[in-house]
Each structure stands twice: as structure tokens, then as C-alpha cells.
């Protein structure tokens, strides 16, 4: 079936170029247009930003219009909705692996710092008990609808959280909200929704310098290595109603500074240097690609966490275990989302790319999970893929080509199976199927 592709990414030129490249590599490339009016009456692909596509058209023309976004999916992409989704699911299914695969979380709605007093006696009463019991337990505050590290803070007492919100109020009074992503301040009254998560105190620490990325560069000796915190960015693709795929080439995004225990920092927690704790690439513009590695590149690196022995290294079976855990968590998370049809509605004529963020922690030896445990942190729609950098652009090219051949081509009459394709480095890769179910209308 011949079709026309509406492609429009005005603020993401890299994404637009990847989409166009993927479409040109289909067996029957479509005509690509930048206006939906050019697609009237024709089989149409909308591979564009969420705001640019015609969602009513997606719903009305389910047999001839394919869109690159699910219309209703905030159960996944809003932090506070994701928490409520998982909380409802684990209450209904207390044996779910999500109970141990997501940090303990609270969500709050607050506009001004003085509203905290009421919350301590209501929605945050159990958190108050934790804080009063032990000051060595840390928690992380995140705005529910912000991204790129905005508004993230660490605290270990009720008083510290109070001062954090008072600081946000002062920023609001001074009209000091900044758009630069290196400034992590927010205006509380404009955000309202926040989540509080238990800070994972035993993260896996590695040094990205063990994997040199510049020509002629060599890895430093073991005694000069510094353990850094990192999170894993995995790309997940949903297709139809409903198949969930995991792209197996996972990125490791490192903090810009060596890790230190939050309790070791000088001064009050609200003035803490967050660089050892935040791994958002948006906050590291000066580092370029220095903080980005492939997870598979880290095999053989020395483990620098305090709990590791001096000769301990990351093994291939550790990485395989992480991928298996991510796959299982993805499947269970989307099952949870399907239980909230008001906030998540998969469509037979839609696919979507998500950026999934995971943290790796040390855990007790478990024959099923291995010696490391994967924790789901958040899910991002229209992920900031430009932060990957030029060195690993080939991964993105491979990913988008797979999306085209797995989600787009079958809809318009091509092969209905997920593809294994040859990427630019002559290695084969394919989507890993995490979940495949058929939903009743």
C-alpha cells in the first residue's frame, strides 16, 4: 500500500533526520511531507511530535492512518501518575515484581511551602515516621511534570524538605525561573505535583574512563579510578494493542563527579552539590560524550562500589541479567498501565518510542536476578536522543530503522514480523519482545 508520511520535528532536527532516513530505507519509501493537509484522503503515517499530529484523525481512520504516539498515555510519562498506576497495580497484585523494582514513592500536590504542615499528618505521615527514625536514609524530590533534572533535590529530614520548598517559593517571588537546563530551580506554584522517592543508597559504581572513547586515549590505572553513579537509558517501543519491545543496545549515562554518600556532604542538604548524584546528560553540557557509554562496553570494568572487592569486575552475565530484569519490568509496567484505561489507552494504529530510565543497585545474591538489581526510575516520551552524541549516533540510526521495519512497514502491507537488521557496524540486532497481548475492544 502506498502511503504519505507527515514528518514534523521543529525543535528536534536529529530526530527528524533519523525518521526520514528510516522511511527512505523501507522497501517502498513514502512521499514525505511537512503538512498534514497534503495527506488528505490518502493512507497516512504521522511520525511527528505529539502536539503536531491530528489525534482525531488517528481515532477515526484506524485502518489507513498510523501515528507515532498513543493519544492517552500519561499513566506512564507523568511521574505522579506512574506512581499511582504502579501503586494501584501492586495493591491488586501484591506478588508483582514492581514492588521490589521501583523505589518507595510518595506523590504530593503542593503550591506553597506552608502546605507541608498538613501533608505531614496526612499523605506523608509514614514518610515523617521514616525521617524521624533515622537520618541516614535519604530521599529525592522530583517535580511530577518536569524533566532534564529540573527541581530535583535530596533531603533527609522534614526541616530540610521545608527549606527546599521555601527556596522554590523565593525563586518564584524573585521571578528567577530559568530555561537553561543547568539551572535546576523550579517555581512550585506552577508545578504543584511532586514525587518523593527513597534514594537508592547502594548504586553500582564504575568509572567511564575505563572505556576510552578518544583516539590514542588509554584507561587510567586501577588506583586512579573514581566510582561514578550512572543510570541506564533503555529505548522501549510499543506497537498496536499491544506489543512492547526493548531495544537491546542500552546506554549508561554517568554523573559528572565521583560519587559520595549524601551524608558525607558539608552543610545543609538543600545546598548539596548534586553533581555526584544526578546523571542527567542535560546537566553536563561541558562533558560532551565523556559521560555516555554503551552498557555492553562496560563489561570487564572494575566495580568501584564500597561493597565490591578490589578485583571485582562487571561480567557479561551481569549485563544479561540486567537486560532480563528490564524486560520483565517493562512488561509488568505496561500491564499496570492497561489497568488504568482513563490514563492509558493503546491503539491498534499507533506506535511510540519511550526512553526508560533504570538505576542499578547492589543486592543480596538472588539466583533469578543475579547480584545486581534493576530499579525503574521514570519513563519519558519523545526522549532527548540528541544527548547520545555523535559517537553513538549509529545506535539511533539502527533503532529508528528497526521502528520503521517493525511498526510502519507491516501496517501498510509489509512483513508482519519484527525485523532483525544489519546496523552500520555490521552487527545484527533485533528488538526484544517484552510483552505481546491482544486487547479486546
Protein backbone atom coordinates (compact mmCIF):
# COMPACT_ATOMS: atom_id res chain seq x y z
CA UNK A 1 0.00 0.00 0.00
CA UNK A 2 1.40 3.39 -0.97
CA UNK A 3 1.19 5.99 1.77
CA UNK A 4 2.26 9.54 2.60
CA UNK A 5 4.35 10.34 5.69
CA UNK A 6 3.82 13.52 7.69
CA UNK A 7 7.16 14.21 9.41
CA UNK A 8 7.49 17.27 11.63
CA UNK A 9 10.05 17.76 14.44
CA UNK A 10 10.73 21.53 14.53
CA UNK A 11 12.77 21.52 17.75
CA UNK A 12 14.46 18.13 17.24
CA UNK A 13 16.38 18.15 13.96
CA UNK A 14 18.27 14.96 14.83
CA UNK A 15 15.00 13.08 15.35
CA UNK A 16 13.64 14.40 12.07
CA UNK A 17 16.73 13.27 10.19
CA UNK A 18 16.53 9.81 11.77
CA UNK A 19 12.86 9.46 10.88
CA UNK A 20 13.46 10.50 7.28
CA UNK A 21 16.39 8.11 7.00
CA UNK A 22 14.34 5.21 8.39
CA UNK A 23 11.49 5.87 5.95
CA UNK A 24 13.84 6.08 2.97
CA UNK A 25 15.18 2.63 3.85
CA UNK A 26 11.77 0.96 3.64
CA UNK A 27 11.23 -1.30 0.60
CA UNK A 28 8.64 1.19 -0.71
CA UNK A 29 9.59 4.62 0.66
CA UNK A 30 6.65 7.01 1.09
CA UNK A 31 6.35 10.60 -0.03
CA UNK A 32 7.40 12.74 2.95
CA UNK A 33 5.52 15.98 3.62
CA UNK A 34 5.65 18.61 6.36
CA UNK A 35 1.95 19.48 6.34
CA UNK A 36 -0.97 17.20 7.15
CA UNK A 37 -3.12 18.95 4.57
CA UNK A 38 -1.01 17.25 1.91
CA UNK A 39 -2.18 13.85 3.17
CA UNK A 40 -5.94 14.36 2.77
CA UNK A 41 -7.74 11.23 1.64
CA UNK A 42 -4.58 9.10 1.46
CA UNK A 43 -3.18 6.34 3.67
CA UNK A 44 -1.10 8.36 6.11
CA UNK A 45 1.73 7.96 8.56
CA UNK A 46 2.01 10.65 11.24
CA UNK A 47 5.58 10.39 12.56
CA UNK A 48 5.83 13.72 14.33
CA UNK A 49 5.72 15.43 17.69
CA UNK A 50 2.68 14.65 19.82
CA UNK A 51 1.38 18.22 19.54
CA UNK A 52 1.67 18.36 15.74
CA UNK A 53 -0.32 15.24 14.89
CA UNK A 54 -4.08 15.03 14.38
CA UNK A 55 -5.24 12.65 17.12
CA UNK A 56 -8.85 12.77 15.97
CA UNK A 57 -7.71 11.52 12.58
CA UNK A 58 -5.90 8.63 14.29
CA UNK A 59 -9.09 7.60 16.06
CA UNK A 60 -11.37 7.97 13.03
CA UNK A 61 -9.17 6.29 10.40
CA UNK A 62 -7.80 3.29 12.26
CA UNK A 63 -7.27 1.22 9.11
CA UNK A 64 -5.45 3.83 7.00
CA UNK A 65 -3.74 6.20 9.46
CA UNK A 66 -0.78 5.17 11.62
CA UNK A 67 0.57 7.54 14.29
CA UNK A 68 3.81 7.65 16.25
CA UNK A 69 2.15 8.37 19.56
CA UNK A 70 -0.61 6.95 21.69
CA UNK A 71 -3.16 9.68 22.38
CA UNK A 72 -3.67 8.85 26.07
CA UNK A 73 -0.55 7.70 27.96
CA UNK A 74 0.05 9.94 30.95
CA UNK A 75 -0.20 6.92 33.27
CA UNK A 76 3.37 6.27 32.13
CA UNK A 77 5.01 9.59 31.31
CA UNK A 78 3.94 11.72 34.31
CA UNK A 79 5.89 10.75 37.40
CA UNK A 80 2.98 11.14 39.81
CA UNK A 81 0.61 9.24 37.52
CA UNK A 82 3.18 6.46 37.09
CA UNK A 83 3.42 6.13 40.87
CA UNK A 84 -0.37 5.93 41.23
CA UNK A 85 -0.54 3.42 38.40
CA UNK A 86 2.06 1.14 40.00
CA UNK A 87 0.59 1.60 43.47
CA UNK A 88 -2.87 0.56 42.29
CA UNK A 89 -1.47 -2.43 40.41
CA UNK A 90 0.68 -3.73 43.27
CA UNK A 91 -2.24 -3.33 45.67
CA UNK A 92 -4.31 -5.53 43.39
CA UNK A 93 -1.41 -7.89 42.66
CA UNK A 94 0.78 -7.95 45.80
CA UNK A 95 3.09 -10.55 44.27
CA UNK A 96 4.09 -8.23 41.41
CA UNK A 97 7.82 -7.74 40.84
CA UNK A 98 7.15 -3.97 40.69
CA UNK A 99 7.05 -3.94 44.49
CA UNK A 100 10.81 -4.51 44.57
CA UNK A 101 11.68 -2.95 41.20
CA UNK A 102 10.62 0.64 41.91
CA UNK A 103 11.93 2.79 44.79
CA UNK A 104 9.40 3.55 47.50
CA UNK A 105 7.49 6.59 46.30
CA UNK A 106 5.06 9.21 47.58
CA UNK A 107 3.26 11.77 45.43
CA UNK A 108 2.11 15.13 46.73
CA UNK A 109 0.26 18.15 45.43
CA UNK A 110 1.63 21.37 46.84
CA UNK A 111 1.73 25.01 45.72
CA UNK A 112 3.47 26.69 48.66
CA UNK A 113 5.88 25.59 51.39
CA UNK A 114 3.44 26.23 54.25
CA UNK A 115 1.16 23.47 52.92
CA UNK A 116 3.70 20.85 54.07
CA UNK A 117 2.41 21.02 57.65
CA UNK A 118 -0.89 19.44 56.65
CA UNK A 119 0.79 16.85 54.44
CA UNK A 120 2.95 15.51 57.29
CA UNK A 121 -0.23 14.48 59.10
CA UNK A 122 -1.90 13.07 56.01
CA UNK A 123 -0.30 11.80 52.81
CA UNK A 124 3.27 11.93 54.15
CA UNK A 125 2.72 10.60 57.65
CA UNK A 126 4.64 7.35 57.00
CA UNK A 127 7.48 9.32 55.41
CA UNK A 128 7.57 11.51 58.52
CA UNK A 129 7.97 8.37 60.64
CA UNK A 130 10.91 7.27 58.46
CA UNK A 131 12.62 10.66 58.71
CA UNK A 132 12.25 10.86 62.48
CA UNK A 133 13.55 7.32 62.90
CA UNK A 134 16.84 7.64 61.01
CA UNK A 135 18.80 10.48 59.42
CA UNK A 136 20.92 8.10 57.34
CA UNK A 137 18.01 7.39 54.98
CA UNK A 138 17.85 9.88 52.12
CA UNK A 139 15.03 10.77 49.79
CA UNK A 140 14.89 12.53 46.44
CA UNK A 141 12.29 15.11 45.43
CA UNK A 142 11.23 15.35 41.77
CA UNK A 143 8.61 17.55 40.08
CA UNK A 144 5.95 15.33 38.55
CA UNK A 145 5.85 17.09 35.18
CA UNK A 146 9.39 18.46 34.79
CA UNK A 147 12.34 16.78 33.11
CA UNK A 148 16.07 17.24 32.44
CA UNK A 149 16.89 17.36 36.15
CA UNK A 150 14.74 20.40 36.92
CA UNK A 151 13.74 20.74 40.56
CA UNK A 152 15.49 17.59 41.81
CA UNK A 153 16.68 17.84 45.42
CA UNK A 154 17.93 15.46 48.14
CA UNK A 155 16.85 15.61 51.79
CA UNK A 156 16.95 13.53 54.96
CA UNK A 157 14.72 15.48 57.36
CA UNK A 158 11.38 17.24 57.49
CA UNK A 159 13.16 20.52 58.11
CA UNK A 160 15.33 20.10 55.01
CA UNK A 161 12.29 19.46 52.80
CA UNK A 162 10.64 22.55 54.27
CA UNK A 163 13.67 24.66 53.40
CA UNK A 164 13.73 23.24 49.86
CA UNK A 165 10.17 24.34 49.18
CA UNK A 166 10.82 27.69 50.81
CA UNK A 167 13.73 28.10 48.41
CA UNK A 168 11.41 27.32 45.48
CA UNK A 169 8.98 29.96 46.79
CA UNK A 170 11.79 32.52 46.91
CA UNK A 171 12.69 31.74 43.29
CA UNK A 172 9.07 32.34 42.38
CA UNK A 173 8.96 35.67 44.22
CA UNK A 174 12.16 36.79 42.52
CA UNK A 175 10.90 35.63 39.11
CA UNK A 176 14.14 33.69 38.90
CA UNK A 177 12.88 30.80 36.82
CA UNK A 178 15.47 29.97 34.19
CA UNK A 179 15.13 27.99 31.00
CA UNK A 180 18.78 26.94 30.96
CA UNK A 181 18.89 23.25 31.82
CA UNK A 182 21.96 23.70 34.02
CA UNK A 183 19.77 25.64 36.45
CA UNK A 184 17.64 23.12 38.35
CA UNK A 185 15.36 25.62 40.08
CA UNK A 186 11.59 25.47 39.66
CA UNK A 187 8.55 27.52 40.59
CA UNK A 188 6.46 25.41 42.98
CA UNK A 189 3.17 27.18 42.31
CA UNK A 190 3.45 26.38 38.60
CA UNK A 191 4.24 22.67 39.06
CA UNK A 192 2.13 21.57 42.06
CA UNK A 193 2.70 17.83 41.56
CA UNK A 194 5.84 16.27 43.05
CA UNK A 195 7.03 12.77 43.80
CA UNK A 196 9.34 11.76 46.62
CA UNK A 197 11.38 8.59 46.16
CA UNK A 198 13.64 6.74 48.54
CA UNK A 199 17.20 7.43 47.44
CA UNK A 200 18.93 4.21 46.37
CA UNK A 201 21.86 4.17 48.76
CA UNK A 202 23.94 1.36 47.22
CA UNK A 203 24.24 2.13 43.49
CA UNK A 204 26.62 0.24 41.25
CA UNK A 205 29.66 2.49 40.69
CA UNK A 206 32.01 2.39 37.72
CA UNK A 207 34.44 4.80 36.08
CA UNK A 208 33.66 5.57 32.42
CA UNK A 209 37.33 6.37 31.84
CA UNK A 210 37.92 2.61 31.83
CA UNK A 211 36.38 2.71 28.34
CA UNK A 212 38.41 5.32 26.39
CA UNK A 213 36.47 6.92 23.53
CA UNK A 214 39.11 9.23 22.02
CA UNK A 215 41.81 8.10 19.64
CA UNK A 216 45.08 7.39 21.46
CA UNK A 217 43.45 7.63 24.89
CA UNK A 218 44.24 4.89 27.42
CA UNK A 219 42.43 3.82 30.56
CA UNK A 220 43.95 5.11 33.84
CA UNK A 221 45.49 2.61 36.31
CA UNK A 222 43.20 0.99 38.87
CA UNK A 223 44.38 3.20 41.74
CA UNK A 224 43.31 6.36 39.87
CA UNK A 225 39.79 5.22 39.10
CA UNK A 226 36.86 7.03 40.73
CA UNK A 227 33.48 5.38 41.16
CA UNK A 228 30.69 7.31 39.48
CA UNK A 229 26.97 6.84 39.67
CA UNK A 230 25.11 6.15 36.42
CA UNK A 231 21.68 5.27 35.18
CA UNK A 232 20.69 3.17 32.21
CA UNK A 233 18.72 4.71 29.35
CA UNK A 234 16.85 1.95 27.53
CA UNK A 235 14.68 2.57 24.50
CA UNK A 236 11.28 0.90 24.50
CA UNK A 237 8.86 0.78 21.58
CA UNK A 238 5.17 -0.04 21.80
CA UNK A 239 3.22 -1.16 18.76
CA UNK A 240 -0.50 -1.71 18.30
CA UNK A 241 -2.65 -3.09 21.08
CA UNK A 242 -0.28 -4.23 22.43
CA UNK A 243 3.28 -5.36 21.81
CA UNK A 244 6.15 -3.93 23.87
CA UNK A 245 9.73 -4.14 22.59
CA UNK A 246 13.04 -3.41 24.29
CA UNK A 247 15.93 -2.19 22.15
CA UNK A 248 18.89 -4.19 23.50
CA UNK A 249 21.59 -1.55 22.99
CA UNK A 250 21.31 0.26 26.32
CA UNK A 251 23.15 3.45 27.24
CA UNK A 252 24.92 4.13 30.54
CA UNK A 253 24.78 7.84 31.46
CA UNK A 254 27.29 8.82 34.15
CA UNK A 255 27.37 11.66 36.67
CA UNK A 256 29.97 14.37 36.08
CA UNK A 257 31.60 13.94 39.50
CA UNK A 258 32.72 10.90 41.57
CA UNK A 259 30.06 9.52 43.86
CA UNK A 260 29.96 10.39 47.55
CA UNK A 261 27.49 9.35 50.20
CA UNK A 262 24.93 12.15 50.71
CA UNK A 263 25.56 12.01 54.46
CA UNK A 264 29.22 12.94 53.89
CA UNK A 265 28.44 16.30 52.32
CA UNK A 266 29.20 19.53 54.19
CA UNK A 267 26.47 21.99 55.12
CA UNK A 268 22.68 21.64 54.91
CA UNK A 269 21.23 19.16 52.43
CA UNK A 270 19.38 21.79 50.42
CA UNK A 271 22.77 23.31 49.47
CA UNK A 272 24.25 19.95 48.50
CA UNK A 273 26.34 19.64 45.35
CA UNK A 274 24.07 17.44 43.23
CA UNK A 275 26.64 16.65 40.54
CA UNK A 276 27.77 13.33 42.10
CA UNK A 277 24.14 12.22 42.35
CA UNK A 278 22.46 13.42 39.14
CA UNK A 279 23.18 11.57 35.94
CA UNK A 280 21.08 13.67 33.56
CA UNK A 281 23.15 14.39 30.45
CA UNK A 282 21.37 17.73 30.09
CA UNK A 283 23.22 18.94 33.17
CA UNK A 284 26.61 18.07 31.65
CA UNK A 285 26.89 20.14 28.50
CA UNK A 286 30.60 20.71 29.07
CA UNK A 287 31.31 16.97 29.22
CA UNK A 288 30.03 16.19 25.74
CA UNK A 289 30.20 12.44 25.19
CA UNK A 290 32.56 11.78 28.09
CA UNK A 291 29.69 10.63 30.32
CA UNK A 292 27.98 8.31 27.81
CA UNK A 293 28.86 4.66 27.22
CA UNK A 294 27.12 1.57 25.94
CA UNK A 295 26.23 -0.85 28.71
CA UNK A 296 27.94 -3.62 26.76
CA UNK A 297 31.16 -1.55 26.62
CA UNK A 298 31.37 -1.68 30.42
CA UNK A 299 31.84 -5.45 30.56
CA UNK A 300 35.22 -6.08 32.20
CA UNK A 301 35.31 -2.73 34.04
CA UNK A 302 36.34 -2.71 37.70
CA UNK A 303 33.46 -2.30 40.11
CA UNK A 304 34.25 0.61 42.40
CA UNK A 305 31.38 0.44 44.88
CA UNK A 306 32.37 0.22 48.56
CA UNK A 307 30.82 -3.22 48.87
CA UNK A 308 32.87 -4.66 45.98
CA UNK A 309 36.16 -6.48 46.33
CA UNK A 310 39.25 -4.91 44.80
CA UNK A 311 39.31 -7.36 41.89
CA UNK A 312 35.59 -7.46 41.16
CA UNK A 313 34.58 -6.69 37.56
CA UNK A 314 31.34 -6.34 35.64
CA UNK A 315 30.66 -9.57 33.79
CA UNK A 316 28.69 -10.44 30.68
CA UNK A 317 26.22 -12.46 32.73
CA UNK A 318 25.63 -9.35 34.90
CA UNK A 319 24.65 -7.38 31.80
CA UNK A 320 22.42 -10.19 30.54
CA UNK A 321 20.71 -10.28 33.92
CA UNK A 322 20.12 -6.53 33.76
CA UNK A 323 18.54 -6.82 30.32
CA UNK A 324 16.29 -9.64 31.50
CA UNK A 325 15.19 -7.64 34.52
CA UNK A 326 14.49 -4.56 32.37
CA UNK A 327 12.39 -6.69 30.02
CA UNK A 328 10.37 -8.14 32.90
CA UNK A 329 9.86 -4.71 34.49
CA UNK A 330 8.69 -3.23 31.20
CA UNK A 331 6.14 -6.00 30.73
CA UNK A 332 4.76 -5.59 34.22
CA UNK A 333 4.69 -1.78 33.98
CA UNK A 334 2.63 -1.82 30.79
CA UNK A 335 0.29 -4.40 32.33
CA UNK A 336 -0.18 -1.94 35.18
CA UNK A 337 -0.88 0.91 32.74
CA UNK A 338 -3.53 -1.18 30.97
CA UNK A 339 -5.35 -1.40 34.30
CA UNK A 340 -5.84 2.40 34.17
CA UNK A 341 -7.78 2.92 30.91
CA UNK A 342 -8.62 6.50 31.79
CA UNK A 343 -4.91 7.40 31.62
CA UNK A 344 -3.52 4.82 29.18
CA UNK A 345 -5.23 3.62 26.02
CA UNK A 346 -3.25 1.62 23.48
CA UNK A 347 -4.38 1.86 19.86
CA UNK A 348 -4.10 -0.71 17.06
CA UNK A 349 -2.86 2.01 14.68
CA UNK A 350 -0.22 3.65 16.86
CA UNK A 351 3.35 3.02 17.96
CA UNK A 352 5.58 5.03 20.27
CA UNK A 353 9.19 5.35 21.37
CA UNK A 354 9.92 5.81 25.08
CA UNK A 355 13.11 6.45 26.99
CA UNK A 356 13.14 4.27 30.11
CA UNK A 357 15.49 5.20 32.95
CA UNK A 358 16.78 2.49 35.29
CA UNK A 359 19.22 2.51 38.21
CA UNK A 360 21.38 -0.47 39.13
CA UNK A 361 21.91 -1.27 42.80
CA UNK A 362 23.78 -3.93 44.70
CA UNK A 363 21.54 -6.51 46.30
CA UNK A 364 21.53 -9.83 48.07
CA UNK A 365 22.53 -12.77 45.93
CA UNK A 366 19.44 -13.91 44.05
CA UNK A 367 19.62 -16.82 41.63
CA UNK A 368 16.94 -15.25 39.44
CA UNK A 369 18.08 -11.63 39.35
CA UNK A 370 21.82 -12.04 39.76
CA UNK A 371 23.93 -9.92 42.08
CA UNK A 372 22.54 -6.57 40.88
CA UNK A 373 19.01 -5.30 41.00
CA UNK A 374 17.40 -3.05 38.39
CA UNK A 375 15.14 -0.22 39.60
CA UNK A 376 12.76 1.66 37.31
CA UNK A 377 13.06 5.42 37.83
CA UNK A 378 10.87 7.03 35.17
CA UNK A 379 9.52 6.86 31.62
CA UNK A 380 9.95 9.62 29.05
CA UNK A 381 8.03 10.24 25.85
CA UNK A 382 9.86 11.93 22.95
CA UNK A 383 13.18 11.24 24.72
CA UNK A 384 16.10 13.67 24.28
CA UNK A 385 18.09 11.43 21.97
CA UNK A 386 20.45 14.26 20.96
CA UNK A 387 22.27 13.74 24.27
CA UNK A 388 23.60 10.41 22.95
CA UNK A 389 26.32 12.21 20.99
CA UNK A 390 27.91 11.68 17.54
CA UNK A 391 29.98 8.63 18.57
CA UNK A 392 26.89 6.52 19.19
CA UNK A 393 24.63 8.03 16.55
CA UNK A 394 24.76 4.67 14.73
CA UNK A 395 22.68 3.20 17.57
CA UNK A 396 19.92 5.72 16.94
CA UNK A 397 20.03 5.04 13.21
CA UNK A 398 19.65 1.34 13.91
CA UNK A 399 16.82 1.96 16.40
CA UNK A 400 14.78 4.13 14.04
CA UNK A 401 15.33 1.74 11.15
CA UNK A 402 14.02 -1.08 13.33
CA UNK A 403 10.96 1.02 14.23
CA UNK A 404 10.27 1.62 10.55
CA UNK A 405 10.53 -2.04 9.61
CA UNK A 406 8.75 -3.40 12.69
CA UNK A 407 5.95 -0.87 13.22
CA UNK A 408 5.46 1.08 9.99
CA UNK A 409 6.02 -1.36 7.13
CA UNK A 410 3.67 -4.10 8.45
CA UNK A 411 0.81 -1.62 8.92
CA UNK A 412 0.93 -0.60 5.27
CA UNK A 413 1.07 -4.15 3.96
CA UNK A 414 4.63 -5.30 4.55
CA UNK A 415 6.07 -8.16 6.59
CA UNK A 416 4.19 -8.51 9.89
CA UNK A 417 7.13 -9.82 11.90
CA UNK A 418 9.68 -7.87 13.94
CA UNK A 419 12.85 -7.46 11.92
CA UNK A 420 16.45 -8.33 12.55
CA UNK A 421 18.52 -5.80 10.61
CA UNK A 422 22.18 -5.19 9.90
CA UNK A 423 23.41 -1.99 11.50
CA UNK A 424 26.16 0.31 10.33
CA UNK A 425 28.83 -1.59 12.26
CA UNK A 426 27.96 -4.93 10.67
CA UNK A 427 26.50 -6.44 13.80
CA UNK A 428 22.99 -7.81 13.93
CA UNK A 429 20.46 -6.65 16.46
CA UNK A 430 16.73 -7.03 16.93
CA UNK A 431 14.03 -5.85 19.27
CA UNK A 432 13.49 -7.97 22.34
CA UNK A 433 9.78 -8.69 22.82
CA UNK A 434 8.79 -7.98 26.42
CA UNK A 435 5.00 -8.24 26.17
CA UNK A 436 2.58 -9.31 23.47
CA UNK A 437 -1.10 -9.39 24.21
CA UNK A 438 -4.34 -8.90 22.30
CA UNK A 439 -6.78 -6.49 23.87
CA UNK A 440 -10.48 -6.90 23.45
CA UNK A 441 -12.38 -3.94 22.02
